[in-house]
Amino acid sequence: MDKRRLAYTLLLVGVTFVALLHTALAYAFDTGLEGIGVLLAGLGVLGVLFVNFGMPAPAEEPDPDREDVEAGSD
């Protein structure tokens, strides 16, 4: 797994956890803000799915040393 993809996944999992905690506390204290927590949790889950399954792999850069070796082998 790419380090950048892992970092995005961990960030989104953290946001989702906070959103679920916010939802539980809003429900427990009857503040009426449960919808915000549910919305953020849903977006966090969708973000995790997008990062892990929908994000294309970065293009690999060609190795610059290989061109020098091929040019010097003439």
PDB file of N, CA and C in Angstrom:
ATOM      1  N   MET A   1       0.851  -1.169   0.000  1.00  0.00           N
ATOM      2  CA  MET A   1       0.000   0.000   0.000  1.00  0.00           C
ATOM      3  C   MET A   1       0.898   1.233   0.000  1.00  0.00           C
ATOM      4  N   ASP A   2       0.512   2.188  -0.794  1.00  0.00           N
ATOM      5  CA  ASP A   2       1.246   3.439  -0.908  1.00  0.00           C
ATOM      6  C   ASP A   2       1.128   4.235   0.406  1.00  0.00           C
ATOM      7  N   LYS A   3       2.191   4.932   0.782  1.00  0.00           N
ATOM      8  CA  LYS A   3       2.170   5.693   2.031  1.00  0.00           C
ATOM      9  C   LYS A   3       1.126   6.800   1.995  1.00  0.00           C
ATOM     10  N   ARG A   4       0.983   7.434   0.847  1.00  0.00           N
ATOM     11  CA  ARG A   4       0.001   8.517   0.726  1.00  0.00           C
ATOM     12  C   ARG A   4      -1.418   7.972   0.881  1.00  0.00           C
ATOM     13  N   ARG A   5      -1.690   6.824   0.272  1.00  0.00           N
ATOM     14  CA  ARG A   5      -3.009   6.205   0.372  1.00  0.00           C
ATOM     15  C   ARG A   5      -3.286   5.790   1.818  1.00  0.00           C
ATOM     16  N   LEU A   6      -2.279   5.272   2.504  1.00  0.00           N
ATOM     17  CA  LEU A   6      -2.436   4.898   3.908  1.00  0.00           C
ATOM     18  C   LEU A   6      -2.726   6.122   4.773  1.00  0.00           C
ATOM     19  N   ALA A   7      -2.042   7.229   4.515  1.00  0.00           N
ATOM     20  CA  ALA A   7      -2.264   8.452   5.282  1.00  0.00           C
ATOM     21  C   ALA A   7      -3.681   8.978   5.069  1.00  0.00           C
ATOM     22  N   TYR A   8      -4.153   8.976   3.824  1.00  0.00           N
ATOM     23  CA  TYR A   8      -5.524   9.422   3.545  1.00  0.00           C
ATOM     24  C   TYR A   8      -6.534   8.516   4.238  1.00  0.00           C
ATOM     25  N   THR A   9      -6.290   7.232   4.203  1.00  0.00           N
ATOM     26  CA  THR A   9      -7.213   6.285   4.826  1.00  0.00           C
ATOM     27  C   THR A   9      -7.270   6.500   6.335  1.00  0.00           C
ATOM     28  N   LEU A  10      -6.120   6.654   6.971  1.00  0.00           N
ATOM     29  CA  LEU A  10      -6.102   6.877   8.419  1.00  0.00           C
ATOM     30  C   LEU A  10      -6.777   8.194   8.796  1.00  0.00           C
ATOM     31  N   LEU A  11      -6.585   9.232   7.998  1.00  0.00           N
ATOM     32  CA  LEU A  11      -7.225  10.517   8.253  1.00  0.00           C
ATOM     33  C   LEU A  11      -8.747  10.385   8.143  1.00  0.00           C
ATOM     34  N   LEU A  12      -9.208   9.714   7.111  1.00  0.00           N
ATOM     35  CA  LEU A  12     -10.644   9.559   6.923  1.00  0.00           C
ATOM     36  C   LEU A  12     -11.266   8.650   7.984  1.00  0.00           C
ATOM     37  N   VAL A  13     -10.545   7.631   8.408  1.00  0.00           N
ATOM     38  CA  VAL A  13     -11.050   6.768   9.487  1.00  0.00           C
ATOM     39  C   VAL A  13     -11.158   7.582  10.780  1.00  0.00           C
ATOM     40  N   GLY A  14     -10.209   8.449  11.030  1.00  0.00           N
ATOM     41  CA  GLY A  14     -10.276   9.317  12.205  1.00  0.00           C
ATOM     42  C   GLY A  14     -11.464  10.262  12.155  1.00  0.00           C
ATOM     43  N   VAL A  15     -11.707  10.856  10.991  1.00  0.00           N
ATOM     44  CA  VAL A  15     -12.863  11.748  10.824  1.00  0.00           C
ATOM     45  C   VAL A  15     -14.161  10.966  11.024  1.00  0.00           C
ATOM     46  N   THR A  16     -14.216   9.759  10.490  1.00  0.00           N
ATOM     47  CA  THR A  16     -15.414   8.932  10.638  1.00  0.00           C
ATOM     48  C   THR A  16     -15.648   8.576  12.103  1.00  0.00           C
ATOM     49  N   PHE A  17     -14.589   8.234  12.828  1.00  0.00           N
ATOM     50  CA  PHE A  17     -14.716   7.921  14.257  1.00  0.00           C
ATOM     51  C   PHE A  17     -15.240   9.121  15.031  1.00  0.00           C
ATOM     52  N   VAL A  18     -14.697  10.301  14.768  1.00  0.00           N
ATOM     53  CA  VAL A  18     -15.147  11.516  15.463  1.00  0.00           C
ATOM     54  C   VAL A  18     -16.608  11.805  15.118  1.00  0.00           C
ATOM     55  N   ALA A  19     -16.978  11.583  13.861  1.00  0.00           N
ATOM     56  CA  ALA A  19     -18.363  11.822  13.455  1.00  0.00           C
ATOM     57  C   ALA A  19     -19.315  10.864  14.165  1.00  0.00           C
ATOM     58  N   LEU A  20     -18.926   9.604  14.294  1.00  0.00           N
ATOM     59  CA  LEU A  20     -19.777   8.644  15.010  1.00  0.00           C
ATOM     60  C   LEU A  20     -19.876   8.984  16.498  1.00  0.00           C
ATOM     61  N   LEU A  21     -18.777   9.433  17.076  1.00  0.00           N
ATOM     62  CA  LEU A  21     -18.800   9.864  18.470  1.00  0.00           C
ATOM     63  C   LEU A  21     -19.709  11.085  18.629  1.00  0.00           C
ATOM     64  N   HIS A  22     -19.616  12.022  17.704  1.00  0.00           N
ATOM     65  CA  HIS A  22     -20.466  13.210  17.710  1.00  0.00           C
ATOM     66  C   HIS A  22     -21.939  12.812  17.605  1.00  0.00           C
ATOM     67  N   THR A  23     -22.229  11.846  16.755  1.00  0.00           N
ATOM     68  CA  THR A  23     -23.608  11.382  16.590  1.00  0.00           C
ATOM     69  C   THR A  23     -24.127  10.757  17.880  1.00  0.00           C
ATOM     70  N   ALA A  24     -23.316   9.916  18.504  1.00  0.00           N
ATOM     71  CA  ALA A  24     -23.745   9.258  19.744  1.00  0.00           C
ATOM     72  C   ALA A  24     -23.967  10.282  20.857  1.00  0.00           C
ATOM     73  N   LEU A  25     -23.070  11.241  20.977  1.00  0.00           N
ATOM     74  CA  LEU A  25     -23.230  12.256  22.027  1.00  0.00           C
ATOM     75  C   LEU A  25     -24.403  13.186  21.743  1.00  0.00           C
ATOM     76  N   ALA A  26     -24.610  13.521  20.474  1.00  0.00           N
ATOM     77  CA  ALA A  26     -25.752  14.369  20.122  1.00  0.00           C
ATOM     78  C   ALA A  26     -27.064  13.658  20.416  1.00  0.00           C
ATOM     79  N   TYR A  27     -27.084  12.361  20.168  1.00  0.00           N
ATOM     80  CA  TYR A  27     -28.285  11.585  20.472  1.00  0.00           C
ATOM     81  C   TYR A  27     -28.481  11.454  21.987  1.00  0.00           C
ATOM     82  N   ALA A  28     -27.396  11.242  22.723  1.00  0.00           N
ATOM     83  CA  ALA A  28     -27.489  11.062  24.179  1.00  0.00           C
ATOM     84  C   ALA A  28     -27.947  12.340  24.883  1.00  0.00           C
ATOM     85  N   PHE A  29     -27.468  13.479  24.398  1.00  0.00           N
ATOM     86  CA  PHE A  29     -27.827  14.745  25.042  1.00  0.00           C
ATOM     87  C   PHE A  29     -28.974  15.462  24.342  1.00  0.00           C
ATOM     88  N   ASP A  30     -29.573  14.822  23.346  1.00  0.00           N
ATOM     89  CA  ASP A  30     -30.754  15.332  22.640  1.00  0.00           C
ATOM     90  C   ASP A  30     -30.548  16.769  22.139  1.00  0.00           C
ATOM     91  N   THR A  31     -29.460  16.969  21.391  1.00  0.00           N
ATOM     92  CA  THR A  31     -29.188  18.301  20.853  1.00  0.00           C
ATOM     93  C   THR A  31     -29.799  18.515  19.476  1.00  0.00           C
ATOM     94  N   GLY A  32     -30.208  17.451  18.822  1.00  0.00           N
ATOM     95  CA  GLY A  32     -30.801  17.583  17.499  1.00  0.00           C
ATOM     96  C   GLY A  32     -29.783  17.698  16.378  1.00  0.00           C
ATOM     97  N   LEU A  33     -28.523  17.420  16.672  1.00  0.00           N
ATOM     98  CA  LEU A  33     -27.462  17.542  15.671  1.00  0.00           C
ATOM     99  C   LEU A  33     -26.964  16.189  15.175  1.00  0.00           C
ATOM    100  N   GLU A  34     -27.796  15.182  15.307  1.00  0.00           N
ATOM    101  CA  GLU A  34     -27.389  13.845  14.884  1.00  0.00           C
ATOM    102  C   GLU A  34     -27.131  13.785  13.381  1.00  0.00           C
ATOM    103  N   GLY A  35     -27.887  14.563  12.628  1.00  0.00           N
ATOM    104  CA  GLY A  35     -27.758  14.548  11.170  1.00  0.00           C
ATOM    105  C   GLY A  35     -26.386  14.958  10.686  1.00  0.00           C
ATOM    106  N   ILE A  36     -25.747  15.885  11.388  1.00  0.00           N
ATOM    107  CA  ILE A  36     -24.406  16.327  10.998  1.00  0.00           C
ATOM    108  C   ILE A  36     -23.406  15.198  11.181  1.00  0.00           C
ATOM    109  N   GLY A  37     -23.491  14.503  12.302  1.00  0.00           N
ATOM    110  CA  GLY A  37     -22.588  13.379  12.552  1.00  0.00           C
ATOM    111  C   GLY A  37     -22.793  12.251  11.562  1.00  0.00           C
ATOM    112  N   VAL A  38     -24.053  11.953  11.245  1.00  0.00           N
ATOM    113  CA  VAL A  38     -24.346  10.892  10.279  1.00  0.00           C
ATOM    114  C   VAL A  38     -23.819  11.276   8.905  1.00  0.00           C
ATOM    115  N   LEU A  39     -24.003  12.531   8.510  1.00  0.00           N
ATOM    116  CA  LEU A  39     -23.507  13.011   7.216  1.00  0.00           C
ATOM    117  C   LEU A  39     -21.983  12.903   7.130  1.00  0.00           C
ATOM    118  N   LEU A  40     -21.294  13.343   8.163  1.00  0.00           N
ATOM    119  CA  LEU A  40     -19.831  13.262   8.162  1.00  0.00           C
ATOM    120  C   LEU A  40     -19.338  11.824   8.182  1.00  0.00           C
ATOM    121  N   ALA A  41     -20.012  10.974   8.935  1.00  0.00           N
ATOM    122  CA  ALA A  41     -19.620   9.568   8.970  1.00  0.00           C
ATOM    123  C   ALA A  41     -19.814   8.927   7.604  1.00  0.00           C
ATOM    124  N   GLY A  42     -20.927   9.238   6.954  1.00  0.00           N
ATOM    125  CA  GLY A  42     -21.163   8.711   5.614  1.00  0.00           C
ATOM    126  C   GLY A  42     -20.136   9.190   4.615  1.00  0.00           C
ATOM    127  N   LEU A  43     -19.800  10.474   4.676  1.00  0.00           N
ATOM    128  CA  LEU A  43     -18.766  11.003   3.779  1.00  0.00           C
ATOM    129  C   LEU A  43     -17.402  10.388   4.073  1.00  0.00           C
ATOM    130  N   GLY A  44     -17.125  10.130   5.340  1.00  0.00           N
ATOM    131  CA  GLY A  44     -15.860   9.485   5.694  1.00  0.00           C
ATOM    132  C   GLY A  44     -15.756   8.084   5.142  1.00  0.00           C
ATOM    133  N   VAL A  45     -16.841   7.326   5.243  1.00  0.00           N
ATOM    134  CA  VAL A  45     -16.839   5.961   4.710  1.00  0.00           C
ATOM    135  C   VAL A  45     -16.708   5.986   3.193  1.00  0.00           C
ATOM    136  N   LEU A  46     -17.452   6.880   2.541  1.00  0.00           N
ATOM    137  CA  LEU A  46     -17.327   6.996   1.085  1.00  0.00           C
ATOM    138  C   LEU A  46     -15.916   7.430   0.677  1.00  0.00           C
ATOM    139  N   GLY A  47     -15.313   8.306   1.469  1.00  0.00           N
ATOM    140  CA  GLY A  47     -13.946   8.732   1.189  1.00  0.00           C
ATOM    141  C   GLY A  47     -12.953   7.595   1.306  1.00  0.00           C
ATOM    142  N   VAL A  48     -13.123   6.761   2.328  1.00  0.00           N
ATOM    143  CA  VAL A  48     -12.240   5.594   2.485  1.00  0.00           C
ATOM    144  C   VAL A  48     -12.390   4.656   1.296  1.00  0.00           C
ATOM    145  N   LEU A  49     -13.632   4.432   0.877  1.00  0.00           N
ATOM    146  CA  LEU A  49     -13.855   3.570  -0.277  1.00  0.00           C
ATOM    147  C   LEU A  49     -13.248   4.161  -1.543  1.00  0.00           C
ATOM    148  N   PHE A  50     -13.382   5.475  -1.726  1.00  0.00           N
ATOM    149  CA  PHE A  50     -12.814   6.114  -2.904  1.00  0.00           C
ATOM    150  C   PHE A  50     -11.292   6.036  -2.906  1.00  0.00           C
ATOM    151  N   VAL A  51     -10.687   6.304  -1.764  1.00  0.00           N
ATOM    152  CA  VAL A  51      -9.224   6.281  -1.683  1.00  0.00           C
ATOM    153  C   VAL A  51      -8.687   4.887  -1.976  1.00  0.00           C
ATOM    154  N   ASN A  52      -9.353   3.865  -1.468  1.00  0.00           N
ATOM    155  CA  ASN A  52      -8.828   2.513  -1.603  1.00  0.00           C
ATOM    156  C   ASN A  52      -9.224   1.816  -2.902  1.00  0.00           C
ATOM    157  N   PHE A  53     -10.354   2.189  -3.487  1.00  0.00           N
ATOM    158  CA  PHE A  53     -10.803   1.484  -4.682  1.00  0.00           C
ATOM    159  C   PHE A  53     -10.956   2.373  -5.907  1.00  0.00           C
ATOM    160  N   GLY A  54     -11.151   3.667  -5.731  1.00  0.00           N
ATOM    161  CA  GLY A  54     -11.430   4.525  -6.871  1.00  0.00           C
ATOM    162  C   GLY A  54     -10.282   5.410  -7.299  1.00  0.00           C
ATOM    163  N   MET A  55      -9.246   5.488  -6.503  1.00  0.00           N
ATOM    164  CA  MET A  55      -8.130   6.374  -6.801  1.00  0.00           C
ATOM    165  C   MET A  55      -7.146   5.667  -7.732  1.00  0.00           C
ATOM    166  N   PRO A  56      -6.865   6.247  -8.896  1.00  0.00           N
ATOM    167  CA  PRO A  56      -5.919   5.576  -9.799  1.00  0.00           C
ATOM    168  C   PRO A  56      -4.507   5.592  -9.225  1.00  0.00           C
ATOM    169  N   ALA A  57      -3.740   4.609  -9.599  1.00  0.00           N
ATOM    170  CA  ALA A  57      -2.353   4.518  -9.135  1.00  0.00           C
ATOM    171  C   ALA A  57      -1.528   5.620  -9.786  1.00  0.00           C
ATOM    172  N   PRO A  58      -0.599   6.222  -9.052  1.00  0.00           N
ATOM    173  CA  PRO A  58       0.228   7.268  -9.652  1.00  0.00           C
ATOM    174  C   PRO A  58       1.128   6.693 -10.742  1.00  0.00           C
ATOM    175  N   ALA A  59       1.366   7.512 -11.763  1.00  0.00           N
ATOM    176  CA  ALA A  59       2.221   7.073 -12.865  1.00  0.00           C
ATOM    177  C   ALA A  59       3.663   6.964 -12.377  1.00  0.00           C
ATOM    178  N   GLU A  60       4.307   5.895 -12.775  1.00  0.00           N
ATOM    179  CA  GLU A  60       5.696   5.705 -12.375  1.00  0.00           C
ATOM    180  C   GLU A  60       6.605   6.486 -13.308  1.00  0.00           C
ATOM    181  N   GLU A  61       7.582   7.139 -12.712  1.00  0.00           N
ATOM    182  CA  GLU A  61       8.541   7.903 -13.508  1.00  0.00           C
ATOM    183  C   GLU A  61       9.631   6.967 -14.013  1.00  0.00           C
ATOM    184  N   PRO A  62      10.072   7.176 -15.233  1.00  0.00           N
ATOM    185  CA  PRO A  62      11.146   6.306 -15.739  1.00  0.00           C
ATOM    186  C   PRO A  62      12.440   6.537 -14.965  1.00  0.00           C
ATOM    187  N   ASP A  63      13.230   5.503 -14.863  1.00  0.00           N
ATOM    188  CA  ASP A  63      14.494   5.574 -14.150  1.00  0.00           C
ATOM    189  C   ASP A  63      15.502   6.337 -15.018  1.00  0.00           C
ATOM    190  N   PRO A  64      16.018   7.502 -14.560  1.00  0.00           N
ATOM    191  CA  PRO A  64      16.940   8.283 -15.400  1.00  0.00           C
ATOM    192  C   PRO A  64      18.287   7.586 -15.609  1.00  0.00           C
ATOM    193  N   ASP A  65      18.693   6.727 -14.699  1.00  0.00           N
ATOM    194  CA  ASP A  65      19.978   6.048 -14.851  1.00  0.00           C
ATOM    195  C   ASP A  65      19.945   5.025 -15.990  1.00  0.00           C
ATOM    196  N   ARG A  66      18.794   4.461 -16.235  1.00  0.00           N
ATOM    197  CA  ARG A  66      18.680   3.452 -17.273  1.00  0.00           C
ATOM    198  C   ARG A  66      18.960   4.056 -18.662  1.00  0.00           C
ATOM    199  N   GLU A  67      18.509   5.276 -18.895  1.00  0.00           N
ATOM    200  CA  GLU A  67      18.754   5.946 -20.175  1.00  0.00           C
ATOM    201  C   GLU A  67      20.247   6.198 -20.362  1.00  0.00           C
ATOM    202  N   ASP A  68      20.922   6.572 -19.282  1.00  0.00           N
ATOM    203  CA  ASP A  68      22.362   6.810 -19.385  1.00  0.00           C
ATOM    204  C   ASP A  68      23.113   5.515 -19.705  1.00  0.00           C
ATOM    205  N   VAL A  69      22.684   4.421 -19.127  1.00  0.00           N
ATOM    206  CA  VAL A  69      23.339   3.126 -19.373  1.00  0.00           C
ATOM    207  C   VAL A  69      23.122   2.707 -20.823  1.00  0.00           C
ATOM    208  N   GLU A  70      21.904   2.873 -21.325  1.00  0.00           N
ATOM    209  CA  GLU A  70      21.610   2.484 -22.707  1.00  0.00           C
ATOM    210  C   GLU A  70      22.386   3.359 -23.693  1.00  0.00           C
ATOM    211  N   ALA A  71      22.538   4.636 -23.396  1.00  0.00           N
ATOM    212  CA  ALA A  71      23.240   5.541 -24.289  1.00  0.00           C
ATOM    213  C   ALA A  71      24.743   5.243 -24.301  1.00  0.00           C
ATOM    214  N   GLY A  72      25.292   4.812 -23.161  1.00  0.00           N
ATOM    215  CA  GLY A  72      26.727   4.528 -23.071  1.00  0.00           C
ATOM    216  C   GLY A  72      27.121   3.175 -23.579  1.00  0.00           C
ATOM    217  N   SER A  73      26.149   2.320 -23.900  1.00  0.00           N
ATOM    218  CA  SER A  73      26.493   0.980 -24.330  1.00  0.00           C
ATOM    219  C   SER A  73      26.768   0.872 -25.832  1.00  0.00           C
ATOM    220  N   ASP A  74      26.673   1.969 -26.556  1.00  0.00           N
ATOM    221  CA  ASP A  74      26.928   1.933 -28.014  1.00  0.00           C
ATOM    222  C   ASP A  74      28.368   1.640 -28.313  1.00  0.00           C
TER     223      ASP A  74
END
